[in-house]
Amino acid sequence: MWRVWRGSPEGGQPYRLRLVGADGDDAGQDEGAAEGLRGRGYLAQQDPDDPIPRYWEPPVTKHSLISVTKSAALIDRLAVLFLVAALFGATALVGVAVDAYAGSGSSAAPARAVTVGASSCTPASFAAAYTDAGHLVWKDSLPVGGVESDGGNLQPVVTGGVSAFAYNNGVYAVRARDGHQIWHRVFPEAKNTADGDVAGLWQWRGSLIALVGGVSSPAKLVALNAATGTVRWTLKLGGEELLDNVAIASDGVLVAETASGTLEAASLSTGRPLWSRAYGQSVGPIAVGDVIVASKYVGPLAAPTRTYAAFAAATGKPLWSRAGFPDSVTAVAAPGGRLLLYDPAQVLTPKDLKPKPYPVIALSAATGKQLWTLTTPKLVDAVWAGSSWALIATGLQGEVLVADPTARLDLVSLATGKLKWSAGGTHTDPYAAPLISATDVVFVQTTPATGTVIDREVSTGAQRWKAVISDAYGRFLLRPSGPNVLVTFPGATSAKPPVLLAVNAVTGKTAATADLTEAVQVPPAVTGGDVDLQLNRLCETAVLTPGGD
């Protein structure tokens, strides 16, 4: 919780701070919002009622803004709350918690609304293409329609020379080479709803597959001709809301899970339903080749475990089931029909402040047979799979708030689990997917105050080069055809624009730097020697409610 003062904490009017998006919905609260009030006569401090000690970093001066170090313990408590909410499927519980956390205060003075960022801001989304040398090829404004939601947070899709972008309730297609608009399709929705929102966008054999609705209304799949935008087929899914994950198998079968815990499968080639199977509410299915793997919590709330089960994508035939995994185990699909399991253990209990690291386990997706196990000295934070290698990051979990000299990065054989090399003193950004090739591993190394792109040799683990970027999370690494690696990352502060950096893949020398002006929130799509980006202009308002207690 942030408290904001007009004047000084000792004598000024206290306010509670929360963020409101352009549609009026609560958008959370964070240090970045407070930073956006810099220079407007406000001071900010996190809630002193929190049991974690707070302090001002520089000396306090009137009419200045001082950021406060965020607390890992606070994040842990929020993580516990949201985990409980997820276990119950209780959206209302989360809403109540957020409202209580924001607070309303008791003072009779009116609330103040202060724009964070530009003095005037209109939400917008843009499609853009950059070369591997970091040069802008084209940039188009996407039509804004429907109810503002997460419709601008889908990765662009490229097929047959067409680049497709989704924004709210529309799909927008352009020629990949020059950005010329080919077609634009809008899915109708009732007033003040998001039932036409595009919640997923993929390609399959010349068609663009859009998942429409599914959050507050029953979902449907719509196949569009990528070249013309005409509808090839439409299929309703399950007649109820969907859970988050949707899996697409290698044989063109899409599997989604409904809110009641039913797996629904459909052919992307024909648009026909294939099978339906009650499984129970889970974290959603994932695809490993032509196998669908689902998992669910089992047992009492106080000590749940997780069960994994696999089904043939084409028929829904059960293949295997394994029980008894820790409830926080995470699964990663890997080449060769492998499923990698690890336990990030991000939520700790008072009795388990130093848990024993859970091993990385490789299973056969087709049989459930254990292929290998690797035990690490520290907790596993993230696992990524390349064609032949798995990259394992260990150490402190998630976003680092303190230095982590014990963190390591391990490269292991995907076939055997045998360790190739281990690099120490490297906390790896778990949210930035690395580039894993036959010769190199490129990843983001991070500390509480720095971000650095590192290239290491696959054969020895030796560092080849490094490139300094900002410490802000939300980074993406890209490897188009050509001599350079591309990196997108937020500006070092909210006042600075996001950046696209082109780095020579052999030497690490900067080839180009481009200011993007809008945020990159989803992974860009590589199109040969170019990359397609969806850029979103973010507008938030800081609502300051009198009564800081």
Protein backbone atom coordinates (compact mmCIF):
# COMPACT_ATOMS: atom_id res chain seq x y z
CA MET A 1 0.00 0.00 0.00
CA TRP A 2 1.34 3.41 -0.92
CA ARG A 3 0.47 6.54 1.03
CA VAL A 4 0.91 9.88 -0.69
CA TRP A 5 1.18 13.33 0.89
CA ARG A 6 0.67 16.77 -0.54
CA GLY A 7 3.45 18.63 1.23
CA SER A 8 5.25 16.54 3.83
CA PRO A 9 4.40 13.43 5.90
CA GLU A 10 4.64 15.47 9.08
CA GLY A 11 2.12 18.16 8.19
CA GLY A 12 0.60 17.42 4.80
CA GLN A 13 -2.71 15.85 3.82
CA PRO A 14 -2.33 12.05 3.60
CA TYR A 15 -3.90 10.14 0.69
CA ARG A 16 -4.20 6.50 -0.24
CA LEU A 17 -3.01 5.69 -3.75
CA ARG A 18 -4.53 3.30 -6.25
CA LEU A 19 -4.35 3.07 -10.04
CA VAL A 20 -7.33 3.19 -12.37
CA GLY A 21 -7.07 2.21 -16.03
CA ALA A 22 -8.66 4.07 -18.90
CA ASP A 23 -11.86 2.00 -18.55
CA GLY A 24 -12.28 2.98 -14.87
CA ASP A 25 -11.33 -0.44 -13.50
CA ASP A 26 -8.90 -0.82 -10.63
CA ALA A 27 -5.44 -1.36 -12.12
CA GLY A 28 -3.55 -2.13 -8.92
CA GLN A 29 -0.98 -0.05 -7.11
CA ASP A 30 2.78 0.01 -7.29
CA GLU A 31 5.99 1.96 -6.98
CA GLY A 32 5.75 3.04 -10.62
CA ALA A 33 2.51 4.88 -9.92
CA ALA A 34 4.11 6.83 -7.14
CA GLU A 35 7.10 7.55 -9.37
CA GLY A 36 4.69 9.05 -11.93
CA LEU A 37 3.73 11.76 -9.42
CA ARG A 38 7.26 13.09 -9.23
CA GLY A 39 7.53 16.85 -9.52
CA ARG A 40 3.87 17.52 -8.67
CA GLY A 41 4.31 18.38 -5.02
CA TYR A 42 3.64 14.87 -3.69
CA LEU A 43 5.59 12.64 -1.35
CA ALA A 44 5.17 8.86 -1.28
CA GLN A 45 5.81 6.18 1.31
CA GLN A 46 4.60 2.60 1.69
CA ASP A 47 2.08 1.95 4.43
CA PRO A 48 3.81 2.22 7.85
CA ASP A 49 1.14 -0.08 9.31
CA ASP A 50 2.81 -2.91 7.44
CA PRO A 51 5.04 -4.84 9.90
CA ILE A 52 7.99 -4.69 7.50
CA PRO A 53 10.20 -1.66 8.34
CA ARG A 54 10.10 1.16 5.79
CA TYR A 55 12.56 3.95 5.26
CA TRP A 56 13.21 6.90 3.01
CA GLU A 57 16.20 6.22 0.77
CA PRO A 58 17.53 9.81 0.35
CA PRO A 59 16.85 12.56 2.91
CA VAL A 60 13.25 13.79 2.74
CA THR A 61 12.80 17.17 1.10
CA LYS A 62 9.56 19.07 0.59
CA HIS A 63 7.90 18.71 -2.82
CA SER A 64 9.99 15.73 -3.85
CA LEU A 65 9.13 12.10 -4.37
CA ILE A 66 11.07 9.40 -2.60
CA SER A 67 10.71 5.78 -3.67
CA VAL A 68 10.68 3.09 -1.04
CA THR A 69 12.19 -0.36 -1.38
CA LYS A 70 9.52 -2.95 -1.97
CA SER A 71 9.33 -5.91 0.38
CA ALA A 72 9.63 -9.55 -0.60
CA ALA A 73 7.57 -10.44 2.46
CA LEU A 74 4.73 -8.22 1.26
CA ILE A 75 4.80 -9.94 -2.14
CA ASP A 76 4.79 -13.34 -0.42
CA ARG A 77 1.68 -12.42 1.54
CA LEU A 78 -0.08 -11.29 -1.60
CA ALA A 79 1.01 -14.49 -3.34
CA VAL A 80 -0.55 -16.57 -0.55
CA LEU A 81 -3.79 -14.61 -0.88
CA PHE A 82 -3.98 -15.11 -4.63
CA LEU A 83 -3.06 -18.78 -4.31
CA VAL A 84 -5.96 -19.30 -1.91
CA ALA A 85 -8.22 -17.43 -4.30
CA ALA A 86 -7.07 -19.62 -7.18
CA LEU A 87 -7.66 -22.82 -5.20
CA PHE A 88 -11.22 -21.78 -4.47
CA GLY A 89 -11.79 -20.29 -7.91
CA ALA A 90 -12.94 -17.27 -5.92
CA THR A 91 -12.73 -14.20 -8.09
CA ALA A 92 -14.84 -12.38 -5.55
CA LEU A 93 -12.29 -13.09 -2.83
CA VAL A 94 -9.55 -11.40 -4.86
CA GLY A 95 -11.79 -8.43 -5.56
CA VAL A 96 -12.60 -7.99 -1.89
CA ALA A 97 -8.93 -8.23 -0.96
CA VAL A 98 -7.92 -5.59 -3.48
CA ASP A 99 -10.69 -3.25 -2.39
CA ALA A 100 -9.77 -3.65 1.26
CA TYR A 101 -6.12 -3.08 0.47
CA ALA A 102 -6.87 0.10 -1.49
CA GLY A 103 -8.97 1.47 1.32
CA SER A 104 -11.30 4.43 1.30
CA GLY A 105 -10.13 6.53 4.23
CA SER A 106 -12.30 8.42 6.69
CA SER A 107 -11.57 12.05 5.86
CA ALA A 108 -14.35 14.21 4.44
CA ALA A 109 -12.00 15.86 1.93
CA PRO A 110 -12.60 14.82 -1.69
CA ALA A 111 -10.42 12.36 -3.58
CA ARG A 112 -7.93 13.68 -6.10
CA ALA A 113 -7.27 12.11 -9.53
CA VAL A 114 -3.80 12.74 -10.96
CA THR A 115 -2.70 11.45 -14.37
CA VAL A 116 0.38 9.25 -14.19
CA GLY A 117 2.69 9.97 -17.13
CA ALA A 118 1.64 12.42 -19.82
CA SER A 119 -0.75 15.22 -18.91
CA SER A 120 -3.21 13.90 -21.51
CA CYS A 121 -3.24 10.28 -22.59
CA THR A 122 -5.47 8.29 -24.92
CA PRO A 123 -5.12 4.48 -24.86
CA ALA A 124 -3.87 3.20 -28.22
CA SER A 125 -2.21 0.19 -29.79
CA PHE A 126 0.21 0.08 -32.71
CA ALA A 127 1.60 -2.61 -34.99
CA ALA A 128 5.23 -2.16 -35.99
CA ALA A 129 8.06 -4.02 -37.69
CA TYR A 130 11.80 -3.56 -37.10
CA THR A 131 14.75 -5.05 -38.91
CA ASP A 132 17.39 -7.07 -37.11
CA ALA A 133 19.53 -3.92 -37.38
CA GLY A 134 17.01 -2.07 -35.19
CA HIS A 135 15.53 0.07 -37.99
CA LEU A 136 11.80 0.78 -38.22
CA VAL A 137 10.24 -0.78 -41.35
CA TRP A 138 6.65 0.37 -40.79
CA LYS A 139 4.25 1.34 -38.02
CA ASP A 140 0.42 1.32 -38.12
CA SER A 141 -2.19 2.49 -35.64
CA LEU A 142 -4.60 -0.31 -34.71
CA PRO A 143 -8.31 0.59 -34.61
CA VAL A 144 -9.48 0.80 -31.02
CA GLY A 145 -12.90 -0.71 -30.45
CA GLY A 146 -14.91 -2.58 -27.87
CA VAL A 147 -14.41 -2.52 -24.12
CA GLU A 148 -10.82 -1.84 -23.04
CA SER A 149 -9.42 -5.11 -21.68
CA ASP A 150 -6.50 -7.45 -22.29
CA GLY A 151 -7.13 -7.55 -26.05
CA GLY A 152 -3.88 -5.73 -26.73
CA ASN A 153 -1.83 -8.37 -24.92
CA LEU A 154 -1.63 -11.12 -27.56
CA GLN A 155 1.51 -12.04 -29.45
CA PRO A 156 1.37 -11.09 -33.15
CA VAL A 157 0.84 -14.01 -35.56
CA VAL A 158 2.58 -14.31 -38.94
CA THR A 159 1.51 -16.69 -41.72
CA GLY A 160 1.80 -16.58 -45.50
CA GLY A 161 3.25 -13.09 -45.61
CA VAL A 162 0.47 -11.71 -43.40
CA SER A 163 1.05 -10.21 -39.95
CA ALA A 164 -2.03 -10.29 -37.69
CA PHE A 165 -2.62 -8.31 -34.50
CA ALA A 166 -5.48 -8.45 -32.00
CA TYR A 167 -6.81 -5.50 -30.05
CA ASN A 168 -9.91 -5.78 -27.85
CA ASN A 169 -12.67 -7.18 -30.11
CA GLY A 170 -10.86 -6.93 -33.45
CA VAL A 171 -8.22 -8.64 -35.58
CA TYR A 172 -6.11 -6.44 -37.86
CA ALA A 173 -4.07 -7.92 -40.75
CA VAL A 174 -1.29 -6.22 -42.73
CA ARG A 175 1.28 -7.26 -45.32
CA ALA A 176 4.34 -8.31 -43.37
CA ARG A 177 6.77 -6.67 -45.77
CA ASP A 178 5.37 -3.11 -45.74
CA GLY A 179 2.55 -2.87 -43.16
CA HIS A 180 -0.15 -2.21 -45.78
CA GLN A 181 -3.58 -2.98 -44.31
CA ILE A 182 -5.21 -6.03 -45.91
CA TRP A 183 -8.32 -6.43 -43.78
CA HIS A 184 -9.80 -5.70 -40.35
CA ARG A 185 -12.51 -7.80 -38.68
CA VAL A 186 -14.52 -6.78 -35.62
CA PHE A 187 -16.42 -9.26 -33.47
CA PRO A 188 -19.67 -7.71 -32.19
CA GLU A 189 -20.31 -7.51 -28.48
CA ALA A 190 -23.13 -6.27 -26.28
CA LYS A 191 -22.79 -2.81 -24.76
CA ASN A 192 -20.40 -2.59 -21.78
CA THR A 193 -19.29 -6.21 -22.17
CA ALA A 194 -16.20 -7.94 -23.46
CA ASP A 195 -17.98 -10.93 -24.98
CA GLY A 196 -16.45 -10.15 -28.40
CA ASP A 197 -12.95 -9.79 -27.01
CA VAL A 198 -10.19 -11.73 -28.77
CA ALA A 199 -8.67 -13.85 -26.00
CA GLY A 200 -6.35 -15.91 -28.19
CA LEU A 201 -4.88 -15.78 -31.70
CA TRP A 202 -2.97 -18.56 -33.52
CA GLN A 203 -2.33 -19.79 -37.05
CA TRP A 204 -3.01 -23.19 -38.54
CA ARG A 205 -2.43 -24.11 -42.19
CA GLY A 206 -3.25 -20.74 -43.70
CA SER A 207 -5.98 -19.84 -41.23
CA LEU A 208 -5.93 -17.45 -38.32
CA ILE A 209 -7.70 -18.99 -35.34
CA ALA A 210 -9.29 -16.48 -32.96
CA LEU A 211 -10.66 -17.40 -29.55
CA VAL A 212 -13.49 -14.95 -28.94
CA GLY A 213 -15.08 -14.38 -25.53
CA GLY A 214 -14.66 -17.01 -22.85
CA VAL A 215 -14.03 -14.70 -19.90
CA SER A 216 -17.47 -13.35 -19.05
CA SER A 217 -19.39 -15.32 -21.71
CA PRO A 218 -19.23 -18.66 -23.53
CA ALA A 219 -16.29 -18.86 -25.91
CA LYS A 220 -16.17 -19.59 -29.62
CA LEU A 221 -13.43 -20.37 -32.09
CA VAL A 222 -13.42 -18.47 -35.37
CA ALA A 223 -11.19 -19.51 -38.30
CA LEU A 224 -10.34 -16.64 -40.66
CA ASN A 225 -8.73 -16.83 -44.07
CA ALA A 226 -5.39 -15.15 -43.40
CA ALA A 227 -5.29 -13.55 -46.84
CA THR A 228 -8.85 -12.14 -46.91
CA GLY A 229 -10.26 -12.21 -43.38
CA THR A 230 -13.34 -14.19 -44.47
CA VAL A 231 -14.77 -16.63 -41.91
CA ARG A 232 -14.03 -20.25 -42.72
CA TRP A 233 -15.84 -21.76 -39.74
CA THR A 234 -17.12 -20.96 -36.25
CA LEU A 235 -17.40 -23.32 -33.29
CA LYS A 236 -18.86 -22.69 -29.84
CA LEU A 237 -16.82 -24.19 -27.01
CA GLY A 238 -18.56 -25.80 -24.07
CA GLY A 239 -21.30 -23.22 -23.54
CA GLU A 240 -19.58 -21.69 -20.51
CA GLU A 241 -16.59 -19.59 -19.52
CA LEU A 242 -13.08 -20.93 -20.04
CA LEU A 243 -10.12 -21.11 -17.72
CA ASP A 244 -6.93 -19.33 -18.76
CA ASN A 245 -4.80 -21.87 -20.62
CA VAL A 246 -5.56 -23.19 -24.10
CA ALA A 247 -3.33 -25.91 -25.57
CA ILE A 248 -2.73 -26.62 -29.27
CA ALA A 249 -1.25 -30.02 -30.10
CA SER A 250 1.06 -30.71 -33.02
CA ASP A 251 -1.75 -32.49 -34.89
CA GLY A 252 -3.93 -29.37 -34.91
CA VAL A 253 -6.17 -30.19 -31.96
CA LEU A 254 -7.06 -27.32 -29.64
CA VAL A 255 -8.00 -28.20 -26.06
CA ALA A 256 -9.53 -25.75 -23.61
CA GLU A 257 -10.86 -26.19 -20.10
CA THR A 258 -14.22 -24.83 -19.02
CA ALA A 259 -14.95 -23.25 -15.65
CA SER A 260 -16.61 -26.49 -14.50
CA GLY A 261 -13.43 -28.49 -15.20
CA THR A 262 -14.32 -30.09 -18.55
CA LEU A 263 -11.69 -30.48 -21.27
CA GLU A 264 -13.12 -29.55 -24.68
CA ALA A 265 -11.24 -30.53 -27.87
CA ALA A 266 -11.73 -29.28 -31.42
CA SER A 267 -10.04 -29.76 -34.79
CA LEU A 268 -8.44 -26.59 -36.15
CA SER A 269 -8.60 -28.02 -39.65
CA THR A 270 -12.36 -28.61 -39.76
CA GLY A 271 -13.77 -26.65 -36.83
CA ARG A 272 -15.54 -29.74 -35.53
CA PRO A 273 -15.64 -30.82 -31.87
CA LEU A 274 -13.62 -33.96 -31.25
CA TRP A 275 -14.15 -34.94 -27.64
CA SER A 276 -15.12 -33.70 -24.20
CA ARG A 277 -13.95 -35.07 -20.87
CA ALA A 278 -14.70 -34.06 -17.29
CA TYR A 279 -11.42 -33.71 -15.42
CA GLY A 280 -11.90 -31.20 -12.60
CA GLN A 281 -10.72 -27.64 -12.25
CA SER A 282 -7.04 -27.32 -12.93
CA VAL A 283 -4.40 -24.79 -13.98
CA GLY A 284 -5.22 -25.56 -17.60
CA PRO A 285 -3.84 -28.01 -20.16
CA ILE A 286 -0.52 -27.85 -22.01
CA ALA A 287 0.45 -29.59 -25.25
CA VAL A 288 3.53 -31.80 -25.66
CA GLY A 289 3.57 -32.92 -29.28
CA ASP A 290 0.30 -34.77 -29.89
CA VAL A 291 -0.32 -35.28 -26.15
CA ILE A 292 -2.39 -33.06 -23.86
CA VAL A 293 -1.28 -32.87 -20.22
CA ALA A 294 -3.56 -31.50 -17.49
CA SER A 295 -3.04 -31.12 -13.77
CA LYS A 296 -5.23 -30.45 -10.75
CA TYR A 297 -5.03 -29.98 -7.01
CA VAL A 298 -6.00 -32.95 -4.85
CA GLY A 299 -6.51 -33.25 -1.11
CA PRO A 300 -7.32 -30.85 1.73
CA LEU A 301 -6.69 -27.14 1.34
CA ALA A 302 -4.15 -27.19 4.16
CA ALA A 303 -1.98 -29.79 2.40
CA PRO A 304 -2.90 -30.13 -1.27
CA THR A 305 -0.91 -32.14 -3.78
CA ARG A 306 -0.98 -32.09 -7.54
CA THR A 307 -1.89 -34.83 -9.99
CA TYR A 308 -0.83 -34.88 -13.64
CA ALA A 309 -2.71 -36.77 -16.34
CA ALA A 310 -2.17 -37.14 -20.08
CA PHE A 311 -4.61 -37.67 -22.93
CA ALA A 312 -4.24 -38.38 -26.63
CA ALA A 313 -5.02 -35.07 -28.34
CA ALA A 314 -6.93 -36.60 -31.25
CA THR A 315 -9.20 -38.91 -29.24
CA GLY A 316 -9.10 -37.87 -25.58
CA LYS A 317 -7.97 -41.38 -24.61
CA PRO A 318 -6.35 -41.38 -21.13
CA LEU A 319 -2.67 -42.28 -21.38
CA TRP A 320 -1.43 -42.07 -17.79
CA SER A 321 -1.89 -40.34 -14.43
CA ARG A 322 0.62 -39.62 -11.67
CA ALA A 323 -0.23 -38.24 -8.23
CA GLY A 324 1.62 -36.90 -5.21
CA PHE A 325 3.52 -33.94 -6.66
CA PRO A 326 3.85 -30.77 -4.56
CA ASP A 327 0.98 -28.38 -5.21
CA SER A 328 3.30 -25.66 -6.56
CA VAL A 329 4.99 -27.83 -9.20
CA THR A 330 5.21 -26.24 -12.65
CA ALA A 331 5.31 -28.10 -15.98
CA VAL A 332 7.24 -27.13 -19.12
CA ALA A 333 6.72 -28.75 -22.53
CA ALA A 334 10.04 -29.79 -24.09
CA PRO A 335 11.07 -31.18 -27.50
CA GLY A 336 11.21 -34.91 -27.97
CA GLY A 337 7.89 -35.52 -26.22
CA ARG A 338 9.26 -34.58 -22.80
CA LEU A 339 7.57 -32.91 -19.86
CA LEU A 340 9.83 -31.08 -17.38
CA LEU A 341 8.55 -30.58 -13.82
CA TYR A 342 10.03 -28.28 -11.18
CA ASP A 343 8.84 -26.55 -8.02
CA PRO A 344 9.51 -22.81 -7.84
CA ALA A 345 8.21 -22.75 -4.24
CA GLN A 346 7.43 -19.04 -4.44
CA VAL A 347 5.01 -19.15 -1.51
CA LEU A 348 6.67 -20.14 1.75
CA THR A 349 5.07 -20.94 5.09
CA PRO A 350 6.55 -19.88 8.47
CA LYS A 351 7.50 -23.53 9.08
CA ASP A 352 9.18 -23.85 5.71
CA LEU A 353 11.33 -20.73 5.30
CA LYS A 354 14.24 -22.78 3.92
CA PRO A 355 12.62 -25.60 1.95
CA LYS A 356 14.71 -28.39 0.46
CA PRO A 357 15.03 -27.82 -3.29
CA TYR A 358 12.69 -29.97 -5.34
CA PRO A 359 14.44 -31.71 -8.24
CA VAL A 360 13.86 -31.11 -11.91
CA ILE A 361 12.09 -34.20 -13.25
CA ALA A 362 11.77 -35.21 -16.91
CA LEU A 363 8.79 -37.40 -17.85
CA SER A 364 7.77 -38.99 -21.11
CA ALA A 365 4.58 -37.19 -22.14
CA ALA A 366 3.33 -40.33 -23.91
CA THR A 367 3.87 -42.83 -21.06
CA GLY A 368 4.43 -40.83 -17.87
CA LYS A 369 7.71 -42.72 -17.35
CA GLN A 370 10.40 -40.82 -15.47
CA LEU A 371 13.35 -40.22 -17.80
CA TRP A 372 15.78 -38.45 -15.46
CA THR A 373 16.03 -36.37 -12.28
CA LEU A 374 18.40 -33.51 -11.46
CA THR A 375 18.84 -32.12 -7.95
CA THR A 376 20.13 -28.56 -7.54
CA PRO A 377 21.69 -26.98 -4.42
CA LYS A 378 19.26 -24.05 -4.51
CA LEU A 379 15.56 -23.67 -5.30
CA VAL A 380 14.74 -23.74 -8.99
CA ASP A 381 13.34 -20.43 -10.19
CA ALA A 382 12.73 -21.20 -13.86
CA VAL A 383 13.32 -23.88 -16.50
CA TRP A 384 13.48 -23.41 -20.27
CA ALA A 385 13.89 -26.03 -22.98
CA GLY A 386 15.78 -25.77 -26.27
CA SER A 387 16.06 -28.42 -28.96
CA SER A 388 18.86 -30.30 -27.14
CA TRP A 389 19.42 -28.49 -23.85
CA ALA A 390 17.48 -27.40 -20.78
CA LEU A 391 18.47 -24.19 -19.00
CA ILE A 392 17.82 -24.10 -15.25
CA ALA A 393 17.92 -20.92 -13.15
CA THR A 394 18.26 -21.32 -9.37
CA GLY A 395 18.32 -18.90 -6.45
CA LEU A 396 15.91 -16.34 -5.07
CA GLN A 397 12.48 -16.53 -6.59
CA GLY A 398 10.94 -14.10 -9.09
CA GLU A 399 11.96 -10.44 -9.15
CA VAL A 400 15.08 -9.92 -7.04
CA LEU A 401 14.87 -7.28 -4.32
CA VAL A 402 18.28 -8.02 -2.76
CA ALA A 403 21.59 -9.24 -4.16
CA ASP A 404 21.71 -12.98 -4.82
CA PRO A 405 25.37 -14.13 -5.07
CA THR A 406 24.38 -17.79 -4.61
CA ALA A 407 22.18 -17.90 -7.73
CA ARG A 408 23.33 -20.16 -10.57
CA LEU A 409 22.51 -20.94 -14.17
CA ASP A 410 22.83 -24.60 -15.23
CA LEU A 411 22.83 -26.12 -18.71
CA VAL A 412 21.83 -29.79 -18.84
CA SER A 413 21.27 -32.33 -21.57
CA LEU A 414 17.59 -32.65 -22.42
CA ALA A 415 18.11 -36.31 -23.29
CA THR A 416 19.95 -37.44 -20.13
CA GLY A 417 19.72 -34.66 -17.54
CA LYS A 418 23.51 -34.61 -17.31
CA LEU A 419 25.00 -31.26 -16.27
CA LYS A 420 27.01 -29.56 -19.03
CA TRP A 421 28.08 -26.51 -17.03
CA SER A 422 27.03 -24.29 -14.13
CA ALA A 423 27.64 -20.52 -13.94
CA GLY A 424 27.69 -18.94 -10.48
CA GLY A 425 26.70 -15.52 -9.22
CA THR A 426 24.09 -15.14 -11.93
CA HIS A 427 20.49 -14.37 -11.04
CA THR A 428 18.56 -14.91 -14.25
CA ASP A 429 15.40 -12.96 -15.02
CA PRO A 430 12.78 -15.75 -14.85
CA TYR A 431 10.30 -13.76 -16.94
CA ALA A 432 12.60 -13.19 -19.95
CA ALA A 433 12.76 -16.34 -22.08
CA PRO A 434 16.39 -16.98 -23.08
CA LEU A 435 17.66 -17.80 -26.57
CA ILE A 436 19.05 -21.36 -26.64
CA SER A 437 20.84 -22.47 -29.79
CA ALA A 438 23.35 -25.18 -30.67
CA THR A 439 26.25 -22.81 -29.91
CA ASP A 440 25.04 -20.09 -27.53
CA VAL A 441 22.78 -19.27 -24.63
CA VAL A 442 21.61 -15.64 -24.40
CA PHE A 443 19.78 -14.58 -21.24
CA VAL A 444 19.15 -11.61 -18.95
CA GLN A 445 21.18 -11.38 -15.76
CA THR A 446 19.63 -9.12 -13.14
CA THR A 447 20.25 -7.53 -9.76
CA PRO A 448 18.03 -5.10 -7.80
CA ALA A 449 19.67 -2.23 -9.70
CA THR A 450 20.93 -3.65 -13.00
CA GLY A 451 19.94 -5.63 -16.06
CA THR A 452 22.48 -7.21 -18.41
CA VAL A 453 22.13 -9.39 -21.51
CA ILE A 454 24.73 -12.18 -21.33
CA ASP A 455 25.92 -14.57 -24.06
CA ARG A 456 27.56 -17.85 -22.95
CA GLU A 457 29.02 -20.61 -25.06
CA VAL A 458 27.07 -23.87 -24.97
CA SER A 459 30.26 -25.94 -25.09
CA THR A 460 32.03 -24.41 -22.06
CA GLY A 461 29.73 -21.87 -20.39
CA ALA A 462 32.32 -19.16 -20.98
CA GLN A 463 30.95 -15.64 -21.30
CA ARG A 464 31.31 -14.28 -24.84
CA TRP A 465 29.84 -10.80 -24.34
CA LYS A 466 27.47 -8.70 -22.30
CA ALA A 467 25.22 -5.70 -23.00
CA VAL A 468 23.83 -3.46 -20.25
CA ILE A 469 20.10 -2.68 -20.31
CA SER A 470 17.70 -1.20 -17.72
CA ASP A 471 16.80 -2.88 -14.43
CA ALA A 472 13.08 -2.80 -15.28
CA TYR A 473 11.32 -6.12 -15.80
CA GLY A 474 9.34 -6.84 -18.97
CA ARG A 475 12.22 -7.77 -21.32
CA PHE A 476 12.11 -9.82 -24.51
CA LEU A 477 15.02 -11.45 -26.39
CA LEU A 478 14.71 -12.10 -30.16
CA ARG A 479 16.92 -13.72 -32.79
CA PRO A 480 15.81 -12.86 -36.32
CA SER A 481 17.88 -14.03 -39.27
CA GLY A 482 20.83 -11.68 -39.61
CA PRO A 483 23.86 -10.75 -37.52
CA ASN A 484 22.10 -9.24 -34.49
CA VAL A 485 20.22 -10.19 -31.34
CA LEU A 486 17.34 -7.84 -30.50
CA VAL A 487 16.28 -6.89 -26.98
CA THR A 488 13.20 -4.90 -25.98
CA PHE A 489 12.98 -3.54 -22.44
CA PRO A 490 11.20 -0.77 -20.48
CA GLY A 491 12.91 2.54 -19.78
CA ALA A 492 14.97 2.86 -16.61
CA THR A 493 12.22 5.09 -15.14
CA SER A 494 8.57 5.73 -15.98
CA ALA A 495 9.63 9.00 -17.61
CA LYS A 496 11.87 7.23 -20.14
CA PRO A 497 10.56 5.37 -23.20
CA PRO A 498 10.87 1.64 -23.83
CA VAL A 499 13.89 0.66 -25.92
CA LEU A 500 14.75 -1.74 -28.73
CA LEU A 501 18.44 -2.62 -28.71
CA ALA A 502 20.25 -4.40 -31.56
CA VAL A 503 23.43 -6.21 -30.46
CA ASN A 504 25.88 -8.02 -32.71
CA ALA A 505 25.47 -11.72 -31.90
CA VAL A 506 29.20 -12.44 -32.22
CA THR A 507 30.84 -9.43 -30.57
CA GLY A 508 28.10 -7.99 -28.35
CA LYS A 509 28.70 -4.53 -29.80
CA THR A 510 25.66 -2.25 -30.05
CA ALA A 511 24.43 -2.02 -33.63
CA ALA A 512 21.49 0.33 -32.99
CA THR A 513 19.22 1.70 -30.27
CA ALA A 514 15.63 2.76 -30.95
CA ASP A 515 13.14 4.47 -28.62
CA LEU A 516 9.78 2.73 -29.00
CA THR A 517 7.56 5.38 -27.26
CA GLU A 518 4.96 2.69 -26.41
CA ALA A 519 5.21 -0.40 -24.20
CA VAL A 520 6.00 -3.92 -25.43
CA GLN A 521 3.87 -6.17 -23.22
CA VAL A 522 3.92 -9.45 -25.17
CA PRO A 523 6.67 -11.34 -27.00
CA PRO A 524 7.24 -9.95 -30.50
CA ALA A 525 7.01 -12.31 -33.49
CA VAL A 526 10.08 -13.08 -35.61
CA THR A 527 9.42 -12.85 -39.36
CA GLY A 528 12.66 -13.84 -41.07
CA GLY A 529 15.02 -10.90 -40.72
CA ASP A 530 12.40 -8.66 -39.07
CA VAL A 531 10.37 -8.68 -35.88
CA ASP A 532 6.73 -7.65 -35.47
CA LEU A 533 5.84 -5.78 -32.27
CA GLN A 534 2.54 -4.80 -30.76
CA LEU A 535 3.06 -1.51 -28.95
CA ASN A 536 0.52 -0.33 -26.37
CA ARG A 537 0.16 3.20 -25.03
CA LEU A 538 -0.67 2.77 -21.35
CA CYS A 539 -2.79 5.34 -19.52
CA GLU A 540 -3.36 5.16 -15.78
CA THR A 541 -4.74 7.56 -13.23
CA ALA A 542 -3.56 7.76 -9.63
CA VAL A 543 -6.61 8.14 -7.41
CA LEU A 544 -5.67 9.78 -4.11
CA THR A 545 -8.27 9.17 -1.44
CA PRO A 546 -8.05 11.26 1.76
CA GLY A 547 -7.19 9.25 4.85
CA GLY A 548 -3.85 7.56 4.77
CA ASP A 549 -4.45 5.22 7.71
